[in-house]
Amino acid sequence: MSIIGESLSVVESTDPSKVGIEGVVLLDTAKTLVVRSNGRTLRVEKAGCTFILARPDRVVSGSDISGRLEDRWGRRSR
């Protein structure tokens, strides 16, 4: 599941400063998401975060999208 280009919101995080970040995912690395939010580019750790993806409006745990995109495709097909 690629989330690059999707809108998301951080609804829970072990880092309180990340809660409330909303924007579009620019880059999906193994451990972080790079999000464009209000004209700024922010890096958000996946671990310890819960996200709401705007399309199709679903809640996703950071652990569910951890790892490289290529590896997640492999997990999904097993």
PDB file of N, CA and C in Angstrom:
ATOM      1  N   MET A   1       0.844  -1.179   0.000  1.00  0.00           N
ATOM      2  CA  MET A   1       0.000   0.000   0.000  1.00  0.00           C
ATOM      3  C   MET A   1       0.890   1.243   0.000  1.00  0.00           C
ATOM      4  N   SER A   2       0.856   1.982  -1.077  1.00  0.00           N
ATOM      5  CA  SER A   2       1.601   3.224  -1.161  1.00  0.00           C
ATOM      6  C   SER A   2       0.711   4.362  -0.668  1.00  0.00           C
ATOM      7  N   ILE A   3       1.247   5.172   0.215  1.00  0.00           N
ATOM      8  CA  ILE A   3       0.468   6.318   0.703  1.00  0.00           C
ATOM      9  C   ILE A   3       1.054   7.640   0.222  1.00  0.00           C
ATOM     10  N   ILE A   4       2.034   7.575  -0.659  1.00  0.00           N
ATOM     11  CA  ILE A   4       2.616   8.798  -1.209  1.00  0.00           C
ATOM     12  C   ILE A   4       1.540   9.531  -2.002  1.00  0.00           C
ATOM     13  N   GLY A   5       1.403  10.817  -1.720  1.00  0.00           N
ATOM     14  CA  GLY A   5       0.394  11.637  -2.385  1.00  0.00           C
ATOM     15  C   GLY A   5      -0.930  11.687  -1.646  1.00  0.00           C
ATOM     16  N   GLU A   6      -1.081  10.865  -0.604  1.00  0.00           N
ATOM     17  CA  GLU A   6      -2.332  10.865   0.156  1.00  0.00           C
ATOM     18  C   GLU A   6      -2.287  11.892   1.290  1.00  0.00           C
ATOM     19  N   SER A   7      -3.450  12.400   1.641  1.00  0.00           N
ATOM     20  CA  SER A   7      -3.573  13.306   2.779  1.00  0.00           C
ATOM     21  C   SER A   7      -3.691  12.477   4.047  1.00  0.00           C
ATOM     22  N   LEU A   8      -3.052  12.945   5.099  1.00  0.00           N
ATOM     23  CA  LEU A   8      -3.148  12.250   6.380  1.00  0.00           C
ATOM     24  C   LEU A   8      -3.128  13.218   7.527  1.00  0.00           C
ATOM     25  N   SER A   9      -3.531  12.720   8.691  1.00  0.00           N
ATOM     26  CA  SER A   9      -3.473  13.468   9.943  1.00  0.00           C
ATOM     27  C   SER A   9      -2.864  12.561  10.992  1.00  0.00           C
ATOM     28  N   VAL A  10      -2.045  13.137  11.860  1.00  0.00           N
ATOM     29  CA  VAL A  10      -1.500  12.394  12.995  1.00  0.00           C
ATOM     30  C   VAL A  10      -2.480  12.580  14.149  1.00  0.00           C
ATOM     31  N   VAL A  11      -3.081  11.468  14.609  1.00  0.00           N
ATOM     32  CA  VAL A  11      -4.086  11.567  15.669  1.00  0.00           C
ATOM     33  C   VAL A  11      -3.562  11.120  17.026  1.00  0.00           C
ATOM     34  N   GLU A  12      -2.511  10.298  17.046  1.00  0.00           N
ATOM     35  CA  GLU A  12      -1.855   9.888  18.284  1.00  0.00           C
ATOM     36  C   GLU A  12      -0.366   9.790  18.034  1.00  0.00           C
ATOM     37  N   SER A  13       0.424  10.131  19.051  1.00  0.00           N
ATOM     38  CA  SER A  13       1.869  10.016  18.918  1.00  0.00           C
ATOM     39  C   SER A  13       2.508  10.014  20.296  1.00  0.00           C
ATOM     40  N   THR A  14       3.619   9.302  20.417  1.00  0.00           N
ATOM     41  CA  THR A  14       4.385   9.345  21.658  1.00  0.00           C
ATOM     42  C   THR A  14       5.088  10.699  21.794  1.00  0.00           C
ATOM     43  N   ASP A  15       5.179  11.441  20.692  1.00  0.00           N
ATOM     44  CA  ASP A  15       5.723  12.800  20.682  1.00  0.00           C
ATOM     45  C   ASP A  15       4.547  13.763  20.519  1.00  0.00           C
ATOM     46  N   PRO A  16       4.108  14.396  21.612  1.00  0.00           N
ATOM     47  CA  PRO A  16       2.928  15.271  21.544  1.00  0.00           C
ATOM     48  C   PRO A  16       3.009  16.383  20.512  1.00  0.00           C
ATOM     49  N   SER A  17       4.214  16.785  20.125  1.00  0.00           N
ATOM     50  CA  SER A  17       4.342  17.862  19.137  1.00  0.00           C
ATOM     51  C   SER A  17       3.914  17.409  17.738  1.00  0.00           C
ATOM     52  N   LYS A  18       3.794  16.116  17.515  1.00  0.00           N
ATOM     53  CA  LYS A  18       3.399  15.589  16.205  1.00  0.00           C
ATOM     54  C   LYS A  18       1.881  15.468  16.054  1.00  0.00           C
ATOM     55  N   VAL A  19       1.162  15.383  17.162  1.00  0.00           N
ATOM     56  CA  VAL A  19      -0.300  15.238  17.107  1.00  0.00           C
ATOM     57  C   VAL A  19      -0.910  16.474  16.458  1.00  0.00           C
ATOM     58  N   GLY A  20      -1.782  16.246  15.498  1.00  0.00           N
ATOM     59  CA  GLY A  20      -2.442  17.351  14.806  1.00  0.00           C
ATOM     60  C   GLY A  20      -1.815  17.720  13.480  1.00  0.00           C
ATOM     61  N   ILE A  21      -0.650  17.158  13.168  1.00  0.00           N
ATOM     62  CA  ILE A  21      -0.042  17.440  11.865  1.00  0.00           C
ATOM     63  C   ILE A  21      -0.954  16.887  10.782  1.00  0.00           C
ATOM     64  N   GLU A  22      -1.241  17.715   9.802  1.00  0.00           N
ATOM     65  CA  GLU A  22      -2.057  17.316   8.655  1.00  0.00           C
ATOM     66  C   GLU A  22      -1.337  17.749   7.400  1.00  0.00           C
ATOM     67  N   GLY A  23      -1.364  16.896   6.397  1.00  0.00           N
ATOM     68  CA  GLY A  23      -0.725  17.263   5.151  1.00  0.00           C
ATOM     69  C   GLY A  23      -0.717  16.125   4.162  1.00  0.00           C
ATOM     70  N   VAL A  24       0.104  16.290   3.129  1.00  0.00           N
ATOM     71  CA  VAL A  24       0.208  15.309   2.052  1.00  0.00           C
ATOM     72  C   VAL A  24       1.555  14.602   2.180  1.00  0.00           C
ATOM     73  N   VAL A  25       1.542  13.283   2.054  1.00  0.00           N
ATOM     74  CA  VAL A  25       2.762  12.482   2.161  1.00  0.00           C
ATOM     75  C   VAL A  25       3.602  12.679   0.902  1.00  0.00           C
ATOM     76  N   LEU A  26       4.845  13.144   1.098  1.00  0.00           N
ATOM     77  CA  LEU A  26       5.774  13.349  -0.010  1.00  0.00           C
ATOM     78  C   LEU A  26       6.712  12.164  -0.188  1.00  0.00           C
ATOM     79  N   LEU A  27       7.077  11.541   0.943  1.00  0.00           N
ATOM     80  CA  LEU A  27       8.064  10.467   0.921  1.00  0.00           C
ATOM     81  C   LEU A  27       7.739   9.487   2.033  1.00  0.00           C
ATOM     82  N   ASP A  28       7.881   8.208   1.737  1.00  0.00           N
ATOM     83  CA  ASP A  28       7.609   7.136   2.684  1.00  0.00           C
ATOM     84  C   ASP A  28       8.887   6.321   2.820  1.00  0.00           C
ATOM     85  N   THR A  29       9.626   6.514   3.928  1.00  0.00           N
ATOM     86  CA  THR A  29      10.846   5.740   4.154  1.00  0.00           C
ATOM     87  C   THR A  29      10.522   4.596   5.106  1.00  0.00           C
ATOM     88  N   ALA A  30      11.508   3.809   5.450  1.00  0.00           N
ATOM     89  CA  ALA A  30      11.285   2.651   6.313  1.00  0.00           C
ATOM     90  C   ALA A  30      10.744   3.055   7.684  1.00  0.00           C
ATOM     91  N   LYS A  31      11.230   4.157   8.235  1.00  0.00           N
ATOM     92  CA  LYS A  31      10.852   4.537   9.598  1.00  0.00           C
ATOM     93  C   LYS A  31      10.101   5.856   9.713  1.00  0.00           C
ATOM     94  N   THR A  32      10.046   6.625   8.626  1.00  0.00           N
ATOM     95  CA  THR A  32       9.415   7.946   8.714  1.00  0.00           C
ATOM     96  C   THR A  32       8.543   8.244   7.498  1.00  0.00           C
ATOM     97  N   LEU A  33       7.717   9.248   7.680  1.00  0.00           N
ATOM     98  CA  LEU A  33       6.955   9.827   6.578  1.00  0.00           C
ATOM     99  C   LEU A  33       7.376  11.283   6.472  1.00  0.00           C
ATOM    100  N   VAL A  34       7.556  11.768   5.262  1.00  0.00           N
ATOM    101  CA  VAL A  34       7.829  13.191   5.041  1.00  0.00           C
ATOM    102  C   VAL A  34       6.519  13.780   4.532  1.00  0.00           C
ATOM    103  N   VAL A  35       6.033  14.792   5.266  1.00  0.00           N
ATOM    104  CA  VAL A  35       4.706  15.348   5.021  1.00  0.00           C
ATOM    105  C   VAL A  35       4.826  16.838   4.724  1.00  0.00           C
ATOM    106  N   ARG A  36       4.111  17.286   3.701  1.00  0.00           N
ATOM    107  CA  ARG A  36       4.025  18.725   3.393  1.00  0.00           C
ATOM    108  C   ARG A  36       2.810  19.264   4.122  1.00  0.00           C
ATOM    109  N   SER A  37       3.030  20.161   5.085  1.00  0.00           N
ATOM    110  CA  SER A  37       1.964  20.677   5.932  1.00  0.00           C
ATOM    111  C   SER A  37       2.087  22.189   6.072  1.00  0.00           C
ATOM    112  N   ASN A  38       1.076  22.909   5.624  1.00  0.00           N
ATOM    113  CA  ASN A  38       1.060  24.374   5.746  1.00  0.00           C
ATOM    114  C   ASN A  38       2.335  25.024   5.226  1.00  0.00           C
ATOM    115  N   GLY A  39       2.798  24.563   4.069  1.00  0.00           N
ATOM    116  CA  GLY A  39       3.979  25.159   3.450  1.00  0.00           C
ATOM    117  C   GLY A  39       5.297  24.702   4.037  1.00  0.00           C
ATOM    118  N   ARG A  40       5.256  23.801   5.004  1.00  0.00           N
ATOM    119  CA  ARG A  40       6.488  23.280   5.619  1.00  0.00           C
ATOM    120  C   ARG A  40       6.621  21.794   5.314  1.00  0.00           C
ATOM    121  N   THR A  41       7.842  21.313   5.275  1.00  0.00           N
ATOM    122  CA  THR A  41       8.100  19.889   5.097  1.00  0.00           C
ATOM    123  C   THR A  41       8.509  19.323   6.442  1.00  0.00           C
ATOM    124  N   LEU A  42       7.731  18.347   6.930  1.00  0.00           N
ATOM    125  CA  LEU A  42       7.953  17.772   8.255  1.00  0.00           C
ATOM    126  C   LEU A  42       8.219  16.284   8.145  1.00  0.00           C
ATOM    127  N   ARG A  43       9.075  15.774   9.024  1.00  0.00           N
ATOM    128  CA  ARG A  43       9.366  14.345   9.088  1.00  0.00           C
ATOM    129  C   ARG A  43       8.682  13.792  10.342  1.00  0.00           C
ATOM    130  N   VAL A  44       7.888  12.750  10.148  1.00  0.00           N
ATOM    131  CA  VAL A  44       7.137  12.150  11.252  1.00  0.00           C
ATOM    132  C   VAL A  44       7.545  10.686  11.383  1.00  0.00           C
ATOM    133  N   GLU A  45       7.977  10.301  12.576  1.00  0.00           N
ATOM    134  CA  GLU A  45       8.315   8.906  12.841  1.00  0.00           C
ATOM    135  C   GLU A  45       7.055   8.058  12.761  1.00  0.00           C
ATOM    136  N   LYS A  46       7.139   6.892  12.145  1.00  0.00           N
ATOM    137  CA  LYS A  46       5.991   5.988  12.076  1.00  0.00           C
ATOM    138  C   LYS A  46       5.752   5.321  13.429  1.00  0.00           C
ATOM    139  N   ALA A  47       6.845   4.895  14.078  1.00  0.00           N
ATOM    140  CA  ALA A  47       6.735   4.199  15.358  1.00  0.00           C
ATOM    141  C   ALA A  47       6.083   5.103  16.390  1.00  0.00           C
ATOM    142  N   GLY A  48       5.095   4.587  17.071  1.00  0.00           N
ATOM    143  CA  GLY A  48       4.439   5.343  18.127  1.00  0.00           C
ATOM    144  C   GLY A  48       3.374   6.300  17.635  1.00  0.00           C
ATOM    145  N   CYS A  49       3.045   6.250  16.352  1.00  0.00           N
ATOM    146  CA  CYS A  49       2.034   7.155  15.800  1.00  0.00           C
ATOM    147  C   CYS A  49       0.840   6.390  15.249  1.00  0.00           C
ATOM    148  N   THR A  50      -0.302   7.068  15.261  1.00  0.00           N
ATOM    149  CA  THR A  50      -1.504   6.584  14.600  1.00  0.00           C
ATOM    150  C   THR A  50      -1.952   7.684  13.655  1.00  0.00           C
ATOM    151  N   PHE A  51      -2.297   7.281  12.432  1.00  0.00           N
ATOM    152  CA  PHE A  51      -2.647   8.227  11.381  1.00  0.00           C
ATOM    153  C   PHE A  51      -4.065   7.983  10.892  1.00  0.00           C
ATOM    154  N   ILE A  52      -4.702   9.043  10.408  1.00  0.00           N
ATOM    155  CA  ILE A  52      -5.946   8.899   9.653  1.00  0.00           C
ATOM    156  C   ILE A  52      -5.612   9.290   8.223  1.00  0.00           C
ATOM    157  N   LEU A  53      -5.850   8.347   7.312  1.00  0.00           N
ATOM    158  CA  LEU A  53      -5.671   8.615   5.885  1.00  0.00           C
ATOM    159  C   LEU A  53      -6.996   9.101   5.334  1.00  0.00           C
ATOM    160  N   ALA A  54      -6.954  10.178   4.583  1.00  0.00           N
ATOM    161  CA  ALA A  54      -8.187  10.806   4.105  1.00  0.00           C
ATOM    162  C   ALA A  54      -8.908   9.964   3.061  1.00  0.00           C
ATOM    163  N   ARG A  55      -8.186   9.157   2.351  1.00  0.00           N
ATOM    164  CA  ARG A  55      -8.811   8.362   1.290  1.00  0.00           C
ATOM    165  C   ARG A  55      -8.442   6.909   1.480  1.00  0.00           C
ATOM    166  N   PRO A  56      -9.248   6.030   1.802  1.00  0.00           N
ATOM    167  CA  PRO A  56     -10.696   6.110   2.036  1.00  0.00           C
ATOM    168  C   PRO A  56     -11.028   6.242   3.516  1.00  0.00           C
ATOM    169  N   ASP A  57     -10.569   7.264   4.155  1.00  0.00           N
ATOM    170  CA  ASP A  57     -10.848   7.589   5.550  1.00  0.00           C
ATOM    171  C   ASP A  57     -10.685   6.381   6.469  1.00  0.00           C
ATOM    172  N   ARG A  58      -9.432   6.024   6.712  1.00  0.00           N
ATOM    173  CA  ARG A  58      -9.152   4.880   7.572  1.00  0.00           C
ATOM    174  C   ARG A  58      -8.050   5.217   8.564  1.00  0.00           C
ATOM    175  N   VAL A  59      -8.080   4.531   9.692  1.00  0.00           N
ATOM    176  CA  VAL A  59      -7.084   4.705  10.738  1.00  0.00           C
ATOM    177  C   VAL A  59      -5.997   3.659  10.532  1.00  0.00           C
ATOM    178  N   VAL A  60      -4.735   4.113  10.571  1.00  0.00           N
ATOM    179  CA  VAL A  60      -3.602   3.229  10.335  1.00  0.00           C
ATOM    180  C   VAL A  60      -2.571   3.435  11.435  1.00  0.00           C
ATOM    181  N   SER A  61      -2.112   2.343  12.002  1.00  0.00           N
ATOM    182  CA  SER A  61      -1.036   2.395  12.986  1.00  0.00           C
ATOM    183  C   SER A  61       0.294   2.510  12.254  1.00  0.00           C
ATOM    184  N   GLY A  62       1.211   3.254  12.830  1.00  0.00           N
ATOM    185  CA  GLY A  62       2.539   3.391  12.231  1.00  0.00           C
ATOM    186  C   GLY A  62       3.223   2.050  12.051  1.00  0.00           C
ATOM    187  N   SER A  63       2.981   1.102  12.962  1.00  0.00           N
ATOM    188  CA  SER A  63       3.599  -0.219  12.835  1.00  0.00           C
ATOM    189  C   SER A  63       3.059  -0.980  11.622  1.00  0.00           C
ATOM    190  N   ASP A  64       1.830  -0.680  11.202  1.00  0.00           N
ATOM    191  CA  ASP A  64       1.253  -1.329  10.018  1.00  0.00           C
ATOM    192  C   ASP A  64       1.902  -0.861   8.726  1.00  0.00           C
ATOM    193  N   ILE A  65       2.485   0.326   8.741  1.00  0.00           N
ATOM    194  CA  ILE A  65       3.111   0.858   7.532  1.00  0.00           C
ATOM    195  C   ILE A  65       4.618   1.012   7.710  1.00  0.00           C
ATOM    196  N   SER A  66       5.187   0.328   8.716  1.00  0.00           N
ATOM    197  CA  SER A  66       6.629   0.412   8.925  1.00  0.00           C
ATOM    198  C   SER A  66       7.360  -0.433   7.890  1.00  0.00           C
ATOM    199  N   GLY A  67       8.588  -0.115   7.667  1.00  0.00           N
ATOM    200  CA  GLY A  67       9.394  -0.825   6.687  1.00  0.00           C
ATOM    201  C   GLY A  67       9.301  -0.170   5.324  1.00  0.00           C
ATOM    202  N   ARG A  68      10.117  -0.680   4.426  1.00  0.00           N
ATOM    203  CA  ARG A  68      10.128  -0.150   3.064  1.00  0.00           C
ATOM    204  C   ARG A  68       8.869  -0.577   2.327  1.00  0.00           C
ATOM    205  N   LEU A  69       8.430   0.226   1.410  1.00  0.00           N
ATOM    206  CA  LEU A  69       7.241  -0.073   0.623  1.00  0.00           C
ATOM    207  C   LEU A  69       7.352  -1.447  -0.037  1.00  0.00           C
ATOM    208  N   GLU A  70       8.526  -1.768  -0.560  1.00  0.00           N
ATOM    209  CA  GLU A  70       8.729  -3.055  -1.225  1.00  0.00           C
ATOM    210  C   GLU A  70       8.486  -4.215  -0.267  1.00  0.00           C
ATOM    211  N   ASP A  71       8.921  -4.054   0.979  1.00  0.00           N
ATOM    212  CA  ASP A  71       8.726  -5.106   1.983  1.00  0.00           C
ATOM    213  C   ASP A  71       7.264  -5.238   2.382  1.00  0.00           C
ATOM    214  N   ARG A  72       6.555  -4.118   2.445  1.00  0.00           N
ATOM    215  CA  ARG A  72       5.136  -4.162   2.807  1.00  0.00           C
ATOM    216  C   ARG A  72       4.332  -4.891   1.739  1.00  0.00           C
ATOM    217  N   TRP A  73       4.679  -4.710   0.489  1.00  0.00           N
ATOM    218  CA  TRP A  73       3.987  -5.437  -0.582  1.00  0.00           C
ATOM    219  C   TRP A  73       4.158  -6.930  -0.377  1.00  0.00           C
ATOM    220  N   GLY A  74       5.364  -7.348   0.034  1.00  0.00           N
ATOM    221  CA  GLY A  74       5.614  -8.771   0.280  1.00  0.00           C
ATOM    222  C   GLY A  74       4.810  -9.309   1.443  1.00  0.00           C
ATOM    223  N   ARG A  75       4.683  -8.525   2.522  1.00  0.00           N
ATOM    224  CA  ARG A  75       3.895  -8.944   3.682  1.00  0.00           C
ATOM    225  C   ARG A  75       2.430  -9.100   3.313  1.00  0.00           C
ATOM    226  N   ARG A  76       1.953  -8.234   2.458  1.00  0.00           N
ATOM    227  CA  ARG A  76       0.544  -8.207   2.098  1.00  0.00           C
ATOM    228  C   ARG A  76       0.137  -9.419   1.272  1.00  0.00           C
ATOM    229  N   SER A  77       1.045  -9.930   0.452  1.00  0.00           N
ATOM    230  CA  SER A  77       0.698 -11.016  -0.457  1.00  0.00           C
ATOM    231  C   SER A  77       0.827 -12.396   0.180  1.00  0.00           C
ATOM    232  N   ARG A  78       1.325 -12.479   1.391  1.00  0.00           N
ATOM    233  CA  ARG A  78       1.499 -13.790   2.040  1.00  0.00           C
ATOM    234  C   ARG A  78       0.259 -14.276   2.677  1.00  0.00           C
TER     235      ARG A  78
END
